[in-house]
Amino acid sequence: MARASARHILVATEAECKTLKGEIEGGKDFAEIAKKHSKCPSGKQGGALGEFGPGQMVPEFDTVVFNNEVGKVHGPIKTQFGYHLVEVTNRVD
């Protein structure tokens, strides 16, 4: 069964999400941005969510984590919680 590890940053607006993505693409550290800006408790761990399987996260999140490129920052992704930047750190199919 597929398993993945990911980290994310959760913010309230799409605009903030895009700004932070630009900072990360410009060389800022994902974990540092997560600690400063993420509204999710995982922010304290640099946004790390640990390992999980399909169906354990909201569908919008699952789609990105199990289909998109590993090691790249994806987003903004809208869920009922807000807007996310997601980096898939590892995936085993």
Protein backbone atom coordinates (compact mmCIF):
# COMPACT_ATOMS: atom_id res chain seq x y z
CA MET A 1 0.00 0.00 0.00
CA ALA A 2 1.18 3.51 -0.80
CA ARG A 3 2.66 5.57 2.03
CA ALA A 4 3.88 9.15 1.99
CA SER A 5 5.51 11.72 4.21
CA ALA A 6 4.84 15.41 3.75
CA ARG A 7 5.13 18.78 5.39
CA HIS A 8 2.81 21.71 4.96
CA ILE A 9 2.10 25.31 5.81
CA LEU A 10 -1.50 26.31 6.55
CA VAL A 11 -2.59 29.95 6.24
CA ALA A 12 -5.91 31.78 6.02
CA THR A 13 -5.67 33.34 2.54
CA GLU A 14 -4.59 32.36 -0.96
CA ALA A 15 -2.59 35.61 -1.22
CA GLU A 16 -0.54 34.79 1.90
CA CYS A 17 0.00 31.27 0.58
CA LYS A 18 1.35 32.59 -2.73
CA THR A 19 3.63 35.09 -0.94
CA LEU A 20 5.13 32.36 1.24
CA LYS A 21 5.57 30.03 -1.76
CA GLY A 22 7.54 32.80 -3.47
CA GLU A 23 9.77 33.17 -0.41
CA ILE A 24 10.48 29.43 -0.34
CA GLU A 25 11.18 29.36 -4.09
CA GLY A 26 13.51 32.31 -3.49
CA GLY A 27 15.59 30.24 -1.09
CA LYS A 28 13.95 30.64 2.33
CA ASP A 29 13.74 27.52 4.48
CA PHE A 30 10.37 25.70 4.37
CA ALA A 31 10.58 24.65 8.04
CA GLU A 32 11.37 28.19 9.22
CA ILE A 33 8.44 29.63 7.24
CA ALA A 34 6.17 26.92 8.70
CA LYS A 35 7.27 27.74 12.26
CA LYS A 36 6.56 31.44 11.74
CA HIS A 37 3.38 31.38 9.67
CA SER A 38 1.53 28.04 9.77
CA LYS A 39 -1.81 27.97 11.61
CA CYS A 40 -1.50 24.19 12.05
CA PRO A 41 0.06 22.72 15.22
CA SER A 42 2.50 20.88 12.90
CA GLY A 43 4.12 24.27 12.24
CA LYS A 44 6.10 23.83 15.45
CA GLN A 45 7.79 20.81 13.79
CA GLY A 46 8.50 22.75 10.60
CA GLY A 47 5.21 21.60 9.11
CA ALA A 48 6.10 17.89 9.26
CA LEU A 49 3.05 15.60 9.18
CA GLY A 50 4.88 12.29 9.44
CA GLU A 51 3.96 9.24 7.40
CA PHE A 52 0.40 8.42 6.31
CA GLY A 53 -1.57 6.44 3.78
CA PRO A 54 -4.29 7.35 1.27
CA GLY A 55 -7.52 8.44 2.93
CA GLN A 56 -5.94 9.67 6.17
CA MET A 57 -5.92 13.32 5.06
CA VAL A 58 -8.61 15.44 3.42
CA PRO A 59 -9.19 14.51 -0.27
CA GLU A 60 -7.60 17.68 -1.71
CA PHE A 61 -4.45 16.96 0.27
CA ASP A 62 -4.38 13.27 -0.68
CA THR A 63 -4.64 14.10 -4.38
CA VAL A 64 -1.52 16.26 -4.22
CA VAL A 65 0.52 14.00 -1.94
CA PHE A 66 -0.09 10.78 -3.87
CA ASN A 67 0.04 12.19 -7.43
CA ASN A 68 2.44 15.14 -7.56
CA GLU A 69 6.21 15.40 -7.68
CA VAL A 70 8.23 14.54 -4.56
CA GLY A 71 10.53 17.29 -3.24
CA LYS A 72 8.64 20.19 -4.83
CA VAL A 73 6.38 22.71 -3.07
CA HIS A 74 2.79 22.48 -4.33
CA GLY A 75 -0.01 24.95 -3.75
CA PRO A 76 -1.96 26.95 -2.89
CA ILE A 77 -4.29 24.03 -2.14
CA LYS A 78 -7.68 24.99 -0.68
CA THR A 79 -9.31 22.78 1.96
CA GLN A 80 -11.93 23.44 4.62
CA PHE A 81 -9.05 24.44 6.92
CA GLY A 82 -7.64 27.20 4.69
CA TYR A 83 -4.84 27.33 2.12
CA HIS A 84 -1.88 24.97 2.17
CA LEU A 85 1.57 24.73 0.69
CA VAL A 86 2.51 21.06 0.58
CA GLU A 87 5.90 19.47 0.05
CA VAL A 88 5.90 15.70 -0.44
CA THR A 89 9.10 14.61 1.32
CA ASN A 90 8.85 10.87 0.57
CA ARG A 91 6.49 8.44 -1.14
CA VAL A 92 6.51 4.65 -1.51
CA ASP A 93 3.98 3.24 -3.97
